[in-house]
Amino acid sequence: MPMHLDAGSATALLLTPRQDRLERAIVQALRSRATRSELRDAVYQLADLFRLQGIAPDDGVSRIRAVAMRAATTMTETSSPAGDAPAERVANIVEWARRRYTRSD
């Protein structure tokens, strides 16, 4: 018997792989000490996805922070090429996510 999905359910199912990919991009950017702009782009994309999914701003920012914190546990204490220590990078991620999530467009 075929399963019927409404438009919202189908969209949520299709977006899950994208969320996984974007979370991995943030983790990889942190681990590889990527540039700020590379990391910020990944954060913006994940924030945009969460907005599209209708996730509340506080929840979306919290989820992005959780991704960054998980990655931070595997980061070395050396700074990035931009001079950011791991704690600073996590703080930047939270601020970028908050700004992107709450922008008006």
Foldseek 3Di string as FASTA:
>chain_A
DDDDDDPLVVVVVVCVVVLVVLLVQLLVCQQVLHDPVSNLVSLLVQLVSCVVNVHDLVVSLVVQLVSLVVSLVVHDQAHGPVRHGSVRSSVVSSVSSNCSNPDDD
